Amino acid sequence: VLINVSVVKELGPVLAAVMLAGRIGGALTAELGTMNVTEQIDAVRSMGTNPIRYLVAPRVLACLLLTPVLIIYADLLGVMGGAFVSFFQLGINARAYWGFSANGVELWDVTVGVIKGFFFGGAIAVISCYKGFTCKEGARGVGEACTEAFVASFISILALNYALGVIFKAIYN
């Protein structure tokens, strides 16, 4: 039961967000960084279009909305993995496992994980887009921006997880 609570509140959201920071954050930074280096962002600006509204807003919105979905999926896989280990390696009765899990994991625990997803997704998107917009010239600059985006996203995920954990604990108590 304790494992399922930790998967739903902590491990699922953090690990899913770190995977997103590496995969999606890197892609966002590389795409916008390449557009910046090849002056495509300047071309968008010269056509009278706001590049933030046109290039950044959809990416931030996508990360805000889809990170919680990925976190729910990660939570389900984590709970199923825990069930698999409990049944086949530890010999725990399936009925007892699901009964204790249903009693131990509250809706609050799931809600905390999903809300963290909104914050993590927003942080990943904003950091990655910023690093893409401000990268140095050349392929090396884009590569460095991708690395910086991942490191900054990773640190922000850990910091947000701690801060949100403290806030949610205060609210729950």
Protein backbone atom coordinates (compact mmCIF):
# COMPACT_ATOMS: atom_id res chain seq x y z
CA VAL A 1 0.00 0.00 0.00
CA LEU A 2 2.77 2.41 0.94
CA ILE A 3 4.48 1.72 -2.37
CA ASN A 4 1.34 2.59 -4.32
CA VAL A 5 0.94 5.85 -2.42
CA SER A 6 4.57 6.77 -3.13
CA VAL A 7 4.17 5.83 -6.81
CA VAL A 8 1.04 7.95 -7.21
CA LYS A 9 2.25 10.99 -5.24
CA GLU A 10 5.99 11.06 -5.89
CA LEU A 11 7.61 8.53 -8.20
CA GLY A 12 5.08 8.59 -11.03
CA PRO A 13 4.99 12.38 -11.39
CA VAL A 14 8.73 12.95 -10.94
CA LEU A 15 9.95 10.13 -13.18
CA ALA A 16 7.42 10.94 -15.91
CA ALA A 17 8.42 14.61 -15.77
CA VAL A 18 12.13 13.77 -15.97
CA MET A 19 11.47 11.60 -19.03
CA LEU A 20 9.50 14.46 -20.57
CA ALA A 21 12.27 16.92 -19.78
CA GLY A 22 14.73 14.75 -21.65
CA ARG A 23 12.56 13.87 -24.60
CA ILE A 24 10.16 16.75 -25.14
CA GLY A 25 12.27 19.46 -23.50
CA GLY A 26 15.22 18.57 -25.70
CA ALA A 27 13.03 18.53 -28.80
CA LEU A 28 11.48 21.91 -27.99
CA THR A 29 14.87 23.47 -27.33
CA ALA A 30 16.45 21.97 -30.45
CA GLU A 31 13.57 23.00 -32.69
CA LEU A 32 13.34 26.57 -31.44
CA GLY A 33 17.13 26.84 -31.19
CA THR A 34 17.53 25.80 -34.81
CA MET A 35 14.82 28.25 -35.81
CA ASN A 36 16.68 30.95 -33.89
CA VAL A 37 20.07 30.12 -35.43
CA THR A 38 18.64 30.05 -38.97
CA GLU A 39 16.78 33.32 -38.32
CA GLN A 40 13.34 31.79 -38.83
CA ILE A 41 12.11 33.44 -35.63
CA ASP A 42 13.19 36.81 -37.04
CA ALA A 43 11.24 35.97 -40.20
CA VAL A 44 8.12 35.23 -38.15
CA ARG A 45 8.61 38.53 -36.33
CA SER A 46 9.12 40.44 -39.62
CA MET A 47 5.79 39.13 -40.92
CA GLY A 48 4.09 40.89 -38.02
CA THR A 49 3.41 37.73 -36.02
CA ASN A 50 4.27 37.51 -32.36
CA PRO A 51 6.72 34.56 -32.12
CA ILE A 52 5.84 33.94 -28.48
CA ARG A 53 2.17 33.61 -29.27
CA TYR A 54 2.78 31.64 -32.48
CA LEU A 55 5.65 29.35 -31.45
CA VAL A 56 5.75 29.17 -27.66
CA ALA A 57 2.13 29.30 -26.50
CA PRO A 58 1.01 26.08 -28.27
CA ARG A 59 4.00 24.19 -26.92
CA VAL A 60 3.44 25.40 -23.36
CA LEU A 61 -0.27 24.59 -23.58
CA ALA A 62 0.49 21.09 -24.89
CA CYS A 63 2.91 20.41 -22.04
CA LEU A 64 0.49 21.80 -19.46
CA LEU A 65 -2.35 19.60 -20.66
CA LEU A 66 -0.55 16.38 -21.55
CA THR A 67 1.95 16.02 -18.71
CA PRO A 68 -0.83 15.11 -16.23
CA VAL A 69 -2.12 12.51 -18.71
CA LEU A 70 1.33 10.94 -18.93
CA ILE A 71 1.57 10.99 -15.14
CA ILE A 72 -1.70 9.08 -14.80
CA TYR A 73 -0.36 6.53 -17.28
CA ALA A 74 2.92 6.26 -15.34
CA ASP A 75 0.97 5.81 -12.09
CA LEU A 76 -1.06 2.97 -13.60
CA LEU A 77 2.07 1.25 -14.88
CA GLY A 78 3.77 1.67 -11.50
CA VAL A 79 0.83 0.19 -9.61
CA MET A 80 0.57 -2.70 -12.09
CA GLY A 81 4.31 -3.33 -11.73
CA GLY A 82 3.94 -3.38 -7.96
CA ALA A 83 1.05 -5.82 -8.29
CA PHE A 84 3.11 -8.07 -10.55
CA VAL A 85 5.99 -8.20 -8.08
CA SER A 86 3.61 -8.71 -5.15
CA PHE A 87 1.76 -11.59 -6.83
CA PHE A 88 4.55 -13.52 -8.49
CA GLN A 89 7.64 -12.83 -6.42
CA LEU A 90 6.25 -12.24 -2.94
CA GLY A 91 3.22 -14.54 -3.18
CA ILE A 92 0.75 -11.96 -1.87
CA ASN A 93 -2.92 -12.71 -2.45
CA ALA A 94 -4.31 -10.58 -5.30
CA ARG A 95 -7.57 -9.86 -3.50
CA ALA A 96 -5.72 -8.66 -0.39
CA TYR A 97 -3.34 -6.53 -2.47
CA TRP A 98 -6.10 -4.73 -4.35
CA GLY A 99 -8.20 -4.36 -1.19
CA PHE A 100 -5.37 -2.78 0.78
CA SER A 101 -4.42 -0.62 -2.21
CA ALA A 102 -7.98 0.65 -2.61
CA ASN A 103 -8.14 1.49 1.09
CA GLY A 104 -4.65 3.01 1.26
CA VAL A 105 -4.54 5.20 -1.84
CA GLU A 106 -6.92 8.12 -1.52
CA LEU A 107 -8.26 10.40 -4.23
CA TRP A 108 -6.17 13.14 -2.61
CA ASP A 109 -2.99 11.21 -3.41
CA VAL A 110 -3.90 10.88 -7.08
CA THR A 111 -4.96 14.54 -7.24
CA VAL A 112 -1.64 15.68 -5.78
CA GLY A 113 0.25 13.76 -8.47
CA VAL A 114 -1.89 15.15 -11.28
CA ILE A 115 -1.62 18.74 -10.03
CA LYS A 116 2.15 18.35 -9.83
CA GLY A 117 1.99 17.38 -13.50
CA PHE A 118 0.62 20.77 -14.48
CA PHE A 119 3.48 22.52 -12.72
CA PHE A 120 6.13 20.16 -14.06
CA GLY A 121 4.81 20.45 -17.63
CA GLY A 122 4.72 24.22 -17.44
CA ALA A 123 8.25 24.40 -16.08
CA ILE A 124 9.63 22.05 -18.74
CA ALA A 125 7.95 23.95 -21.57
CA VAL A 126 8.88 27.44 -20.38
CA ILE A 127 12.51 26.54 -19.65
CA SER A 128 12.95 24.64 -22.91
CA CYS A 129 11.38 27.36 -25.04
CA TYR A 130 13.45 30.04 -23.30
CA LYS A 131 16.67 28.11 -23.86
CA GLY A 132 15.73 27.61 -27.52
CA PHE A 133 15.02 31.30 -28.01
CA THR A 134 18.26 32.39 -26.34
CA CYS A 135 20.73 29.79 -27.64
CA LYS A 136 24.11 30.72 -29.06
CA GLU A 137 24.91 30.57 -32.76
CA GLY A 138 25.66 27.30 -34.52
CA ALA A 139 25.00 23.64 -33.93
CA ARG A 140 27.18 23.66 -30.84
CA GLY A 141 25.07 26.45 -29.33
CA VAL A 142 21.89 24.47 -29.96
CA GLY A 143 23.41 21.37 -28.36
CA GLU A 144 24.54 23.33 -25.31
CA ALA A 145 21.07 24.89 -25.04
CA CYS A 146 19.50 21.40 -25.05
CA THR A 147 21.79 20.27 -22.25
CA GLU A 148 21.12 23.44 -20.25
CA ALA A 149 17.37 23.03 -20.77
CA PHE A 150 17.42 19.47 -19.44
CA VAL A 151 19.54 20.32 -16.41
CA ALA A 152 17.43 23.38 -15.55
CA SER A 153 14.21 21.40 -16.06
CA PHE A 154 15.48 18.55 -13.89
CA ILE A 155 16.43 20.89 -11.07
CA SER A 156 13.12 22.75 -11.33
CA ILE A 157 11.20 19.44 -11.22
CA LEU A 158 12.96 18.46 -8.00
CA ALA A 159 12.51 21.92 -6.46
CA LEU A 160 8.84 22.09 -7.47
CA ASN A 161 8.26 18.58 -6.16
CA TYR A 162 9.65 19.55 -2.77
CA ALA A 163 7.78 22.87 -2.60
CA LEU A 164 4.48 21.38 -3.76
CA GLY A 165 4.91 18.47 -1.35
CA VAL A 166 5.25 20.88 1.56
CA ILE A 167 2.26 22.94 0.38
CA PHE A 168 0.02 19.92 -0.17
CA LYS A 169 0.99 18.42 3.17
CA ALA A 170 0.05 21.69 4.90
CA ILE A 171 -3.27 21.77 3.04
CA TYR A 172 -4.04 18.12 3.84
CA ASN A 173 -3.27 18.51 7.53
